[in-house]
């Protein structure tokens, strides 16, 4: 896909929207090398986007003053998108151009504050953003909300304002935080920070622009009450730019006589922020309303204790009741004292905060966003792009568009598409355009070439399409079957989420993935969960024996199938054919993104059979949770440390010897190679269906290949649009 991202809203200092834009693009750059991105930036922001991968192109615009930049977003952006033949335009800060033919418009909504709390905004800003949000809500094909709270706010406002209800078109994709905030500062560095910013005193920290909605008057009143205990020598640091709440803060400071205990730091350099959070006695966020709330997560990521207002998105970000407090100065003062004095609670909140914050990384956001972009293609499945050169206008006037595939390549792509659909047909599984492109058997082709082949095959009556899915022409119920099985698969996975969570947390397990029908959400009644595990090689057989025993005790042996366990020191798969390649390419990772990527890289040979398949696409699957890894719990680390000791090496060898003999004895009637039981690998594929599947596929395919024209009708110059 060709995707344009509007990054022109990047401010000089990285407040919320700026953090979102920069983090989003860096996350996509580290993850997605399949789609083509155009990043639109102002010239002086270009250094922020240096060293982008080859599939990301930076488009530099003049350093427009704010009014001209806003004008470009509404008028010029559409022209730029058409000129570059974009399929998706993503407005990262509400603003969108007018709807463009053939271009899907996406807008990110950061909050709904201008509607919910208009009293907190200057009149001009409020009126402008109310108009921009209303236009974006009507123009966008889909809306991204940066939190579940923002998505709920939109839906509630749609019933009271002139906003479309957008049923199903508002998707919550949580923002992330930069990895620097997870790195722990040294005690020496934190002491230096405390001396520099707080004169060595213990301090409370607020980070954010000084706006009315930040509720700093209440914070100052609460801090004054807290300080009335003569034992307290804390200071309050307010870090952030001036805003429309600055006069109110200055008046409050004069009234409550706290000027010596409150320091206005202004904008703090990004490099100092992680240590500034971590050295704080308490990080506070008392806002009346937040669409997301970066400071809360940034503080928690580094193990700081935080206190936030009990409202809006902060409820879902905090994840712990002790971190939230009602909007009352007395309640805040009491909670401040509690969080300063109770060391056990502080340690609990530190541990919880770091674990909880790991759910919110830019990589997680990027994985969800790639899947979101690809879902847009399914909604509008076949669109042949017009030529990018000067022939575009002529093609539009004549009602023609240029083909991408050469006459020599078109028949090859058409046959590959037919084979791909025939193989999926064996499993009653229709495919969307992007799925056909990703799973195209043995041929490298562009999306436009695949779309062209699909249209030709449809014209010859070989394929049909319904609900955005393609299938052999005599299988018109397949989209309905896929929908039914998808719902059944998700119900099954929901029922087993507890046992899956246990397996993902099991000592020495480094990655868990689904294989088989459920990896495609194509399960049927009675199906079990075929699991693929990557395990620490030192204790592979101990893990297998323990899990097998545990499944038996829990009564899950008929539901959880431990088909394949491999050691993390022996990731390369020795057997190489199409069927193995297909299994590898379509594993659905549930945990361990890094380990899963290393496994896929060690078996990159699968792309010989499936040239367009990639690990990033599987990690972007809506059900994939590989990016949401959490650090192993203390009990896990302790168990692994004990079991890694030398005496347990002997136990590992004994378990291996016992199970190796047992498996060999029970599977001696099977063909050679059906079962592998080695020190670093367990593969229990007792039913080898490859020969049967190959025969079925050829039998299914032959009648359709016979009807395939030797050379599909392709004109070198152009052809009439259908």
Foldseek 3Di string as FASTA:
>chain_A
DEEEEELAVQDPAQADLNQQSLLQQVLLQVFDPQAAYEYEYEPVCVVSVPPGDPSYHYDYDHNDDPVVVLVCQADVVQVVCLLVLGQEYEYSDQAHYAADPNHAYEYEHFADCLVVPVVQDDPVVSVVVVVSNQRSQVRHPAYEFQFPLRVVVVCVCCVVDVGPNCVVRYHYQHAFGAPVLLDADDPVLLQVLCCVQPVRFAEEEEEHEQTPQQVVLLVLLLVLVLVVPVVDPYAYEYAEAYDPNVVVVVVSCVVSVCVVRYYYPYHDDPVCVSSPLVSHLEYEREGNEGSADVVQLSSLSNLHHYAYEPDGNVVVQQVDPLNYFHSHSNRSNVSSVVSNPDPVVSNVSSVVSNQSSLQGHSNSSNLQVVVVVVVVCLQVPADQGADSDPCRVVCVVVQWGAAPDDLVCLLVLLLQLLLQQLLCVVLLAWAALVRSQQQRFQDHDDSRSNSVSVVLCVVLQQWDDDSRTIHGNVSVCSVVLLVVLLVVLVVLCVVCVVVVVVLQQAAQWQWKWWFDCSLVSNDDPQDATEIATEGALLQQLVSVVVVCVVCVVVVNPSHYHPAKYFYLVDLADDDDDQVVLVRLLRIQIAANLPSNQVSCVNHVVSCSGRVNGDSSNSCSPPNHPHSSDGDRDPVSVVVNVVCVDPVVSVVSVVSLVVVVVVVCVVLVVADPPCFDRDSGITGNNSDDCVVVSVVSSCVSSVVSVVSRDPGRDHDNGIDRDD
